[in-house]
Protein backbone atom coordinates (compact mmCIF):
# COMPACT_ATOMS: atom_id res chain seq x y z
CA MET A 1 -31.56 -7.79 56.25
CA ARG A 2 -28.78 -5.65 57.67
CA TYR A 3 -29.58 -3.30 60.56
CA GLU A 4 -27.84 -0.23 61.93
CA ALA A 5 -27.98 1.31 65.39
CA VAL A 6 -29.55 4.66 66.19
CA ILE A 7 -28.26 6.03 69.49
CA GLY A 8 -28.93 9.20 71.44
CA LEU A 9 -27.73 10.19 74.90
CA GLU A 10 -29.21 12.08 77.84
CA ILE A 11 -26.39 13.25 80.07
CA HIS A 12 -26.81 14.81 83.51
CA VAL A 13 -23.85 16.93 84.61
CA GLN A 14 -23.64 18.37 88.12
CA LEU A 15 -22.20 21.88 88.02
CA ASN A 16 -19.39 22.67 90.48
CA SER A 17 -21.21 25.70 91.85
CA PRO A 18 -20.53 26.25 95.58
CA THR A 19 -24.27 26.49 96.27
CA LYS A 20 -27.44 24.75 95.14
CA LEU A 21 -29.72 26.01 92.39
CA PHE A 22 -32.49 27.67 94.41
CA CYS A 23 -30.93 28.18 97.87
CA ASP A 24 -27.62 28.93 99.57
CA CYS A 25 -27.04 25.42 100.93
CA PRO A 26 -23.53 24.13 100.10
CA ASN A 27 -23.27 21.92 97.03
CA ASP A 28 -20.86 19.46 98.66
CA PRO A 29 -21.48 15.69 98.43
CA SER A 30 -18.79 14.96 101.05
CA LEU A 31 -20.81 16.42 103.94
CA PRO A 32 -22.54 14.09 106.45
CA PRO A 33 -26.02 12.99 105.30
CA ASN A 34 -28.83 15.52 105.61
CA THR A 35 -26.66 18.38 106.90
CA ALA A 36 -26.63 20.57 103.75
CA VAL A 37 -30.38 21.14 103.74
CA CYS A 38 -32.92 23.90 104.30
CA PRO A 39 -36.70 24.36 103.88
CA VAL A 40 -36.22 25.08 100.14
CA CYS A 41 -34.34 21.92 99.17
CA LEU A 42 -36.46 19.84 101.57
CA GLY A 43 -39.56 21.06 99.73
CA LEU A 44 -41.33 22.39 102.82
CA PRO A 45 -44.56 24.33 102.19
CA GLY A 46 -44.11 28.10 101.88
CA ALA A 47 -40.32 28.00 101.32
CA LEU A 48 -39.32 30.71 98.84
CA LYS A 49 -36.97 29.65 96.03
CA GLN A 50 -34.23 32.07 94.95
CA PHE A 51 -32.48 31.36 91.66
CA GLY A 52 -28.66 31.49 91.95
CA ARG A 53 -26.53 33.68 89.67
CA VAL A 54 -23.40 31.50 89.97
CA PRO A 55 -25.16 28.30 88.83
CA ARG A 56 -26.71 30.29 85.97
CA ASP A 57 -23.32 31.56 84.79
CA LYS A 58 -21.81 28.07 84.96
CA ALA A 59 -24.75 26.69 83.00
CA VAL A 60 -24.31 29.36 80.31
CA LEU A 61 -20.57 28.63 80.13
CA SER A 62 -21.38 24.93 79.73
CA CYS A 63 -23.71 25.72 76.82
CA LEU A 64 -21.02 27.82 75.15
CA ALA A 65 -18.42 25.07 75.63
CA LEU A 66 -20.78 22.71 73.79
CA ASN A 67 -21.34 25.16 70.90
CA CYS A 68 -24.98 25.70 71.89
CA GLU A 69 -27.03 28.79 71.06
CA VAL A 70 -27.81 30.41 74.42
CA GLN A 71 -31.46 31.48 74.56
CA PRO A 72 -32.19 35.03 75.78
CA VAL A 73 -35.08 33.73 77.90
CA SER A 74 -35.51 30.27 79.41
CA ALA A 75 -37.98 29.05 82.04
CA PHE A 76 -38.48 26.32 84.63
CA ASP A 77 -41.28 23.76 84.64
CA GLN A 78 -42.60 21.30 87.20
CA LYS A 79 -41.83 17.77 86.02
CA VAL A 80 -44.28 15.80 88.10
CA TYR A 81 -43.64 12.28 89.36
CA TYR A 82 -43.73 10.60 92.76
CA TYR A 83 -40.64 8.94 94.16
CA PRO A 84 -38.92 9.07 97.58
CA ASP A 85 -35.95 11.07 96.21
CA LEU A 86 -38.21 13.97 95.14
CA PRO A 87 -39.35 15.93 98.22
CA ARG A 88 -41.89 18.22 96.50
CA GLY A 89 -43.41 15.58 94.22
CA TYR A 90 -42.04 17.43 91.19
CA GLN A 91 -38.64 18.36 89.82
CA LEU A 92 -37.82 21.84 88.54
CA SER A 93 -36.49 21.46 85.00
CA GLN A 94 -36.46 23.49 81.78
CA PHE A 95 -38.67 21.22 79.73
CA HIS A 96 -40.43 23.67 77.42
CA ARG A 97 -37.89 26.53 77.22
CA PRO A 98 -34.32 25.26 77.62
CA LEU A 99 -31.26 27.45 78.14
CA GLY A 100 -29.26 26.15 75.15
CA LYS A 101 -30.14 24.72 71.75
CA ASN A 102 -28.49 23.42 68.56
CA GLY A 103 -25.06 22.53 69.89
CA TRP A 104 -22.51 20.02 68.61
CA LEU A 105 -19.29 18.18 69.36
CA GLU A 106 -16.88 16.41 67.04
CA VAL A 107 -15.79 12.83 67.78
CA PRO A 108 -13.10 10.69 66.10
CA GLY A 109 -14.35 8.01 63.74
CA GLU A 110 -13.00 4.54 63.03
CA ASP A 111 -11.14 5.83 59.95
CA GLY A 112 -9.40 8.68 61.80
CA SER A 113 -11.73 11.39 60.48
CA TRP A 114 -13.87 13.51 62.80
CA ARG A 115 -17.67 13.47 62.73
CA ARG A 116 -19.94 16.21 64.08
CA LEU A 117 -22.67 14.95 66.44
CA ARG A 118 -25.53 17.29 67.21
CA ILE A 119 -26.84 18.39 70.61
CA ARG A 120 -30.56 19.09 70.60
CA GLU A 121 -30.60 21.07 73.84
CA ALA A 122 -28.92 21.74 77.18
CA HIS A 123 -31.20 22.73 80.01
CA MET A 124 -30.91 23.48 83.71
CA GLU A 125 -32.61 21.42 86.37
CA GLU A 126 -32.28 20.57 90.05
CA ASP A 127 -30.91 17.23 91.19
CA VAL A 128 -32.91 14.82 93.31
CA ALA A 129 -32.00 13.36 96.70
CA ARG A 130 -29.76 10.30 97.00
CA LEU A 131 -31.28 6.94 97.88
CA VAL A 132 -29.15 4.44 99.81
CA HIS A 133 -30.37 0.83 99.80
CA GLY A 134 -29.16 -1.83 102.21
CA THR A 135 -29.99 -4.88 104.28
CA GLU A 136 -29.91 -5.63 108.00
CA GLY A 137 -30.32 -9.31 108.62
CA ARG A 138 -33.42 -10.26 106.61
CA ARG A 139 -34.70 -6.71 106.56
CA ARG A 140 -34.20 -4.55 103.49
CA PHE A 141 -34.26 -0.77 103.89
CA SER A 142 -33.83 2.44 101.93
CA LEU A 143 -32.47 5.70 103.34
CA VAL A 144 -32.72 9.17 101.83
CA ASP A 145 -29.90 11.74 101.89
CA PHE A 146 -31.25 15.18 100.90
CA ASN A 147 -27.81 16.81 100.62
CA ARG A 148 -27.94 16.33 96.85
CA ALA A 149 -31.52 17.57 96.47
CA GLY A 150 -31.46 20.92 94.66
CA ALA A 151 -27.89 20.60 93.37
CA PRO A 152 -27.52 22.43 90.02
CA LEU A 153 -27.54 20.22 86.94
CA VAL A 154 -27.27 20.71 83.22
CA GLU A 155 -28.93 17.97 81.18
CA ILE A 156 -27.54 17.57 77.67
CA VAL A 157 -29.82 15.85 75.16
CA THR A 158 -28.24 14.75 71.89
CA GLU A 159 -29.85 14.06 68.55
CA PRO A 160 -29.91 10.33 67.62
CA ASP A 161 -26.77 10.76 65.49
CA MET A 162 -24.57 7.98 66.91
CA ARG A 163 -24.26 4.70 65.07
CA SER A 164 -21.99 2.62 67.29
CA PRO A 165 -21.05 2.08 70.94
CA ARG A 166 -17.66 3.61 70.16
CA GLU A 167 -19.22 6.88 68.98
CA ALA A 168 -21.30 7.07 72.16
CA MET A 169 -18.19 6.52 74.27
CA GLU A 170 -16.18 9.11 72.34
CA PHE A 171 -19.00 11.64 72.68
CA ILE A 172 -18.89 11.31 76.48
CA ARG A 173 -15.10 11.72 76.42
CA MET A 174 -15.33 14.87 74.27
CA LEU A 175 -18.13 16.31 76.39
CA ARG A 176 -16.21 15.64 79.60
CA ALA A 177 -13.08 17.30 78.20
CA SER A 178 -15.03 20.36 77.00
CA LEU A 179 -16.78 20.97 80.34
CA ARG A 180 -13.57 20.43 82.31
CA TYR A 181 -11.86 22.95 80.03
CA ALA A 182 -14.67 25.41 80.77
CA GLY A 183 -14.22 24.77 84.51
CA THR A 184 -17.95 24.26 85.09
CA ALA A 185 -18.04 20.62 86.21
CA GLU A 186 -15.80 17.80 87.44
CA CYS A 187 -17.60 15.26 85.21
CA SER A 188 -16.69 12.20 87.28
CA MET A 189 -18.90 9.23 86.39
CA GLU A 190 -17.41 7.29 89.32
CA GLU A 191 -18.48 9.98 91.80
CA GLY A 192 -21.84 10.56 90.15
CA THR A 193 -21.25 14.12 88.92
CA LEU A 194 -21.82 12.87 85.35
CA ARG A 195 -24.59 10.35 84.71
CA ALA A 196 -25.61 9.08 81.29
CA ASP A 197 -28.73 7.39 79.90
CA ALA A 198 -28.62 5.82 76.43
CA ASN A 199 -31.59 5.64 74.06
CA VAL A 200 -30.96 2.75 71.67
CA SER A 201 -32.94 1.55 68.66
CA ILE A 202 -32.19 -0.18 65.37
CA ARG A 203 -33.44 0.23 61.81
CA PRO A 204 -32.90 -1.37 58.41
CA GLU A 205 -29.64 -0.02 57.06
CA GLY A 206 -30.28 3.19 55.10
CA SER A 207 -33.92 3.49 56.20
CA PRO A 208 -35.20 6.74 57.79
CA GLU A 209 -37.63 4.75 59.97
CA PHE A 210 -36.53 2.87 63.07
CA PHE A 211 -38.07 0.53 65.60
CA SER A 212 -39.09 1.54 69.13
CA LYS A 213 -36.27 2.80 71.30
CA VAL A 214 -35.19 1.41 74.65
CA GLU A 215 -33.64 3.60 77.34
CA VAL A 216 -30.77 2.21 79.42
CA LYS A 217 -30.52 4.20 82.66
CA ASN A 218 -27.77 5.33 85.04
CA LEU A 219 -24.61 4.19 83.27
CA ASN A 220 -21.76 5.11 85.60
CA SER A 221 -18.66 4.61 83.46
CA ILE A 222 -17.68 5.06 79.82
CA ARG A 223 -16.82 1.37 79.59
CA HIS A 224 -20.22 0.36 80.94
CA LEU A 225 -21.90 2.76 78.50
CA GLY A 226 -20.20 1.10 75.53
CA ALA A 227 -20.90 -2.42 76.80
CA ALA A 228 -24.57 -1.67 77.55
CA VAL A 229 -25.17 -0.08 74.14
CA ALA A 230 -23.46 -3.00 72.36
CA TYR A 231 -25.55 -5.53 74.29
CA GLU A 232 -28.77 -3.66 73.60
CA ILE A 233 -28.05 -3.45 69.86
CA ALA A 234 -27.47 -7.22 69.77
CA ARG A 235 -30.59 -7.93 71.87
CA GLN A 236 -32.88 -5.82 69.69
CA THR A 237 -31.40 -7.22 66.46
CA GLU A 238 -32.10 -10.74 67.70
CA LEU A 239 -35.69 -9.83 68.60
CA VAL A 240 -36.37 -8.34 65.17
CA ALA A 241 -34.76 -11.31 63.43
CA GLU A 242 -37.14 -13.61 65.34
CA GLY A 243 -40.15 -11.49 64.36
CA LYS A 244 -40.71 -10.23 67.91
CA PRO A 245 -41.53 -6.57 68.69
CA VAL A 246 -39.17 -4.14 70.40
CA THR A 247 -41.25 -2.40 73.08
CA LEU A 248 -40.70 1.08 74.48
CA HIS A 249 -39.42 0.72 78.06
CA THR A 250 -36.54 1.45 80.43
CA ARG A 251 -33.75 -1.00 81.30
CA LEU A 252 -30.81 -1.17 83.70
CA TRP A 253 -27.27 -2.36 82.98
CA ASP A 254 -26.01 -5.28 85.08
CA PRO A 255 -22.19 -5.11 84.86
CA GLU A 256 -21.71 -8.40 86.70
CA ARG A 257 -23.72 -10.40 84.17
CA GLY A 258 -23.02 -8.13 81.19
CA VAL A 259 -26.71 -7.75 80.30
CA THR A 260 -29.48 -5.15 80.42
CA THR A 261 -32.55 -6.01 82.52
CA PRO A 262 -36.10 -4.57 82.43
CA MET A 263 -36.72 -1.74 84.90
CA ARG A 264 -40.13 -0.20 84.14
CA GLY A 265 -42.40 0.96 81.37
CA LYS A 266 -41.52 4.27 79.74
CA PHE A 267 -43.89 7.05 80.68
CA ALA A 268 -43.90 10.84 80.71
CA GLY A 269 -45.60 12.60 83.61
CA PRO A 270 -47.14 16.05 83.31
CA CYS A 271 -44.75 18.97 82.91
CA VAL A 272 -46.25 22.41 83.58
CA PRO A 273 -44.70 25.90 83.95
CA ASP A 274 -43.61 26.72 87.49
CA PRO A 275 -45.19 29.95 88.81
CA SER A 276 -42.69 30.46 91.67
CA VAL A 277 -39.51 30.88 89.58
CA PRO A 278 -39.38 33.87 87.18
CA PRO A 279 -38.08 33.34 83.62
CA VAL A 280 -34.29 33.36 83.34
CA SER A 281 -32.98 36.22 81.19
CA VAL A 282 -29.50 36.08 79.67
CA SER A 283 -28.35 39.27 77.97
CA VAL A 284 -26.12 39.44 74.91
CA GLU A 285 -23.54 41.30 77.04
CA LEU A 286 -23.46 38.45 79.59
CA VAL A 287 -23.02 35.85 76.87
CA GLU A 288 -20.09 37.80 75.40
CA GLU A 289 -18.52 38.27 78.84
CA LEU A 290 -18.76 34.56 79.61
CA LYS A 291 -17.57 33.60 76.13
CA ASN A 292 -14.41 35.60 76.75
CA ARG A 293 -13.77 33.52 79.87
CA LEU A 294 -13.56 30.30 77.89
CA PRO A 295 -10.05 29.04 77.22
CA LYS A 296 -8.95 27.72 73.85
CA MET A 297 -11.09 24.59 73.63
CA PRO A 298 -9.89 21.01 72.97
CA ALA A 299 -11.08 20.90 69.34
CA ALA A 300 -9.12 24.07 68.45
CA ARG A 301 -6.02 22.85 70.30
CA ARG A 302 -6.21 19.44 68.66
CA LYS A 303 -6.20 20.99 65.19
CA GLU A 304 -3.36 23.32 66.15
CA TYR A 305 -1.22 20.51 67.58
CA GLY A 306 -1.90 18.39 64.50
CA ARG A 307 0.05 20.92 62.45
CA LEU A 308 3.18 20.66 64.62
CA PRO A 309 6.15 18.80 63.06
CA GLY A 310 6.31 15.11 63.87
CA LEU A 311 3.02 14.85 65.76
CA THR A 312 0.46 12.20 64.83
CA PRO A 313 -3.32 12.75 65.13
CA GLU A 314 -3.20 10.51 68.22
CA ASP A 315 -0.50 12.74 69.76
CA ALA A 316 -2.60 15.84 69.10
CA GLU A 317 -5.71 14.28 70.59
CA GLN A 318 -3.86 13.08 73.66
CA MET A 319 -2.16 16.42 74.38
CA SER A 320 -5.48 18.29 74.06
CA SER A 321 -7.54 15.84 76.15
CA GLU A 322 -7.23 17.76 79.46
CA ARG A 323 -6.82 21.49 79.98
CA ASP A 324 -3.95 21.33 82.50
CA LEU A 325 -2.08 18.88 80.26
CA ALA A 326 -2.58 21.09 77.18
CA ASP A 327 -1.45 24.18 79.11
CA TYR A 328 1.64 22.29 80.30
CA PHE A 329 2.43 21.12 76.76
CA GLU A 330 2.11 24.60 75.27
CA THR A 331 4.31 26.15 77.95
CA LEU A 332 6.91 23.43 77.35
CA LEU A 333 6.91 24.23 73.63
CA ALA A 334 7.24 27.95 74.36
CA ALA A 335 10.30 27.13 76.49
CA GLY A 336 11.98 25.51 73.49
CA GLY A 337 10.99 21.87 73.80
CA PRO A 338 10.79 20.03 70.44
CA PRO A 339 7.15 18.95 69.84
CA LYS A 340 7.63 15.21 69.26
CA ALA A 341 10.20 14.82 72.04
CA ALA A 342 7.89 16.80 74.35
CA VAL A 343 5.00 14.38 73.69
CA ASP A 344 7.23 11.35 74.27
CA TRP A 345 8.66 12.68 77.52
CA ILE A 346 5.27 13.74 78.86
CA ASN A 347 3.53 10.45 78.00
CA ASN A 348 6.24 7.91 78.70
CA ARG A 349 8.26 9.47 81.52
CA LEU A 350 6.48 12.37 83.26
CA ARG A 351 2.89 11.11 83.52
CA PRO A 352 3.77 7.75 85.17
CA LEU A 353 5.76 9.65 87.82
CA LEU A 354 2.86 12.07 88.32
CA ARG A 355 0.46 9.16 88.86
CA GLU A 356 2.80 7.62 91.45
CA ARG A 357 2.77 10.92 93.37
CA ASN A 358 -0.92 11.70 92.78
CA GLN A 359 -0.01 14.98 91.09
CA SER A 360 -1.44 16.75 88.06
CA PRO A 361 0.56 18.65 85.39
CA GLY A 362 -0.62 21.89 86.93
CA GLU A 363 0.69 21.18 90.44
CA THR A 364 4.02 19.43 89.99
CA PRO A 365 7.44 20.88 90.87
CA VAL A 366 8.60 19.59 87.48
CA THR A 367 7.50 22.73 85.68
CA PRO A 368 7.30 22.73 81.86
CA GLU A 369 10.32 25.05 81.76
CA ARG A 370 12.43 22.59 83.78
CA LEU A 371 11.31 19.65 81.64
CA ALA A 372 12.09 21.61 78.46
CA GLU A 373 15.65 22.23 79.73
CA LEU A 374 16.06 18.52 80.49
CA ILE A 375 14.75 17.47 77.06
CA LEU A 376 17.18 19.84 75.35
CA LEU A 377 20.10 18.42 77.33
CA VAL A 378 19.22 14.96 75.99
CA GLU A 379 18.51 16.19 72.45
CA LYS A 380 21.91 17.91 72.33
CA LYS A 381 23.50 14.70 73.69
CA GLU A 382 24.93 16.54 76.68
CA ILE A 383 23.43 13.73 78.79
CA SER A 384 22.11 10.32 77.72
CA SER A 385 18.45 9.35 77.65
CA SER A 386 18.86 7.02 80.64
CA ALA A 387 20.65 9.78 82.56
CA GLY A 388 17.74 12.07 81.67
CA LYS A 389 15.32 9.64 83.33
CA LYS A 390 17.38 9.75 86.52
CA VAL A 391 17.47 13.55 86.47
CA LEU A 392 13.70 13.71 85.90
CA ALA A 393 13.01 11.63 89.01
CA GLN A 394 15.26 13.93 91.06
CA LEU A 395 13.51 17.07 89.81
CA PHE A 396 10.54 16.15 92.02
CA GLU A 397 12.72 16.44 95.13
CA SER A 398 15.35 19.03 94.22
CA GLY A 399 15.24 22.71 93.36
CA LEU A 400 18.40 22.45 91.25
CA SER A 401 18.17 22.84 87.48
CA PRO A 402 18.50 19.74 85.26
CA ALA A 403 22.01 20.78 84.23
CA GLU A 404 23.07 21.29 87.85
CA LEU A 405 21.64 17.89 88.86
CA ALA A 406 23.40 16.14 85.97
CA GLU A 407 26.72 17.72 86.97
CA LYS A 408 26.23 16.98 90.66
CA GLU A 409 25.47 13.28 89.99
CA GLY A 410 28.22 12.90 87.38
CA LEU A 411 25.69 12.13 84.65
CA GLY A 412 27.24 14.22 81.92
CA GLY A 413 27.14 12.44 78.59
CA ILE A 414 30.05 10.67 76.92
CA SER A 415 30.18 11.91 73.36
CA ASP A 416 33.84 12.01 72.31
CA ALA A 417 34.67 9.46 69.64
CA GLU A 418 37.80 8.08 71.31
CA THR A 419 36.01 7.12 74.54
CA LEU A 420 33.07 5.61 72.68
CA GLU A 421 35.40 3.53 70.53
CA LYS A 422 37.18 2.21 73.62
CA ILE A 423 33.82 1.15 75.12
CA VAL A 424 32.77 -0.60 71.89
CA GLU A 425 36.15 -2.33 71.58
CA ALA A 426 35.95 -3.60 75.17
CA VAL A 427 32.43 -4.97 74.62
CA ILE A 428 33.45 -6.78 71.42
CA VAL A 429 36.54 -8.31 73.01
CA GLY A 430 34.68 -9.25 76.20
CA ASN A 431 31.69 -10.95 74.56
CA PRO A 432 33.02 -13.21 71.76
CA ASP A 433 30.02 -15.59 71.83
CA ALA A 434 27.51 -12.76 71.26
CA VAL A 435 29.74 -11.33 68.52
CA ASN A 436 29.87 -14.71 66.74
CA ASP A 437 26.08 -15.13 67.14
CA TYR A 438 25.47 -11.75 65.53
CA ARG A 439 27.89 -12.38 62.67
CA GLY A 440 26.21 -15.77 62.21
CA GLY A 441 22.86 -14.10 61.54
CA ARG A 442 21.30 -13.94 65.02
CA LYS A 443 20.28 -10.28 65.01
CA PRO A 444 18.95 -10.17 68.63
CA ALA A 445 22.54 -10.61 69.81
CA LEU A 446 23.16 -6.99 68.84
CA GLY A 447 20.69 -5.84 71.49
CA PHE A 448 22.65 -7.77 74.09
CA LEU A 449 25.89 -6.08 73.00
CA VAL A 450 24.27 -2.62 73.05
CA GLY A 451 23.05 -3.30 76.59
CA ARG A 452 26.58 -4.24 77.64
CA ALA A 453 27.91 -1.04 76.07
CA VAL A 454 25.31 1.11 77.83
CA GLN A 455 26.21 -0.63 81.08
CA ALA A 456 29.93 -0.04 80.50
CA ALA A 457 29.22 3.66 79.90
CA ALA A 458 27.23 3.82 83.15
CA GLY A 459 24.24 5.08 81.20
CA ARG A 460 26.11 8.20 80.08
CA ALA A 461 26.34 7.38 76.36
CA ASP A 462 23.61 7.53 73.76
CA PRO A 463 22.39 3.95 73.07
CA LYS A 464 21.67 4.84 69.42
CA GLU A 465 25.23 6.03 68.92
CA LEU A 466 26.60 2.90 70.61
CA ARG A 467 24.42 0.72 68.37
CA ARG A 468 25.63 2.55 65.26
CA ARG A 469 29.29 2.07 66.20
CA LEU A 470 28.77 -1.61 67.06
CA GLU A 471 27.04 -2.26 63.74
CA GLU A 472 29.84 -0.47 61.93
CA ARG A 473 32.44 -2.69 63.61
CA LEU A 474 30.56 -5.99 63.27
CA ASN A 475 28.94 -5.85 59.85
CA PRO A 476 30.82 -7.09 56.76
CA GLY A 477 32.86 -4.26 55.33
CA GLY A 478 33.09 -2.55 58.68
CA LYS A 479 36.20 -2.08 60.78
CA GLN A 480 37.52 -5.30 62.31
């Protein structure tokens, strides 16, 4: 019997609000342990909670970015369980009346088409404290840092619509891009501001019924998410094939061994309405105001870029993946940069230099207008492509325009036919062995000759034009 996977995700996203959810303590994980605390987030008796407007607005924006229907009234509940990271013995979460419902995101499929995956709900909740485990000699210990306790979270719960590890990974990528576009969260799995749990089960292919699900907790990278889901699908398939039951429980991913391991039985503690926090009201006017703050989202930009001349679906997806990159790309186009050349220059030349300097597209001295001017110089053959690379590197240090830099460094292109012919003639005369190899059928020899011609032109001639002239001279029927 053939089986298919049924996968759903629970994703906790920490909002980048400056304060916590129910107090004015700073929401800053970089502070020394237990310094961003007060009676409210420490859960001391009698401390009065005060719901924050800024976290609420960021939560609503997050719902809108995920195409959720924002509910006019939502409410907090006490999710009761006992663990050292929970100072009050319960967590405030919107279990019964969430803020957002019925959302969706589109992810790319294996065949290049896009598939819509549903979001059941997005609800607000407070984060728990951070546990730090360690050893001292033979002694093992656990420390608690309450700085994170009370930090504002949005938990996104998907429908079990995913059928492969790849779809689960792509969903996280799309969600991360959408929330970064909205400016509500940093969504860094490495730093813990985005944490994902995967619910995985299998079923006979085409059947509406599936076996018990297993939850894999605290996956801290997209790669680990995909690997854990793939392992769990294989493990459950093997169990079913052997006639053994799949039991409902929670597991952890061990990246060193590449396996999931049992953690605990799956249980749901009581969840009752909290009497100390009033219901959260969100007016239609507030929703419209916040909706107007949203930029053009990645899905809309991807479709728009896909209609540009010369761009592939991969180009469109790449240019829309991050907001600052998409803004840079659009400004470059508005400054006259050709779409396909713009993608190539951004991906292959600009971004590696940005990574070396730890810069983003939004904070580099190589503005999109300056890069557009440089691209046009190359496209018009006023400078060569290799000269363009040299100018690009200098744009990081100089305030001169690309044209001024090219003139200052003597990088102006060689385009007149007479000079190009002299270069080609000198290369042919000076490299008789390579010429004979090429005429004897060894095609790679042409690349050697083009390299010599580029070198002779000091990088100021277009390699494609040099190649064309060399082929014309060396091929049968060409000039001798």
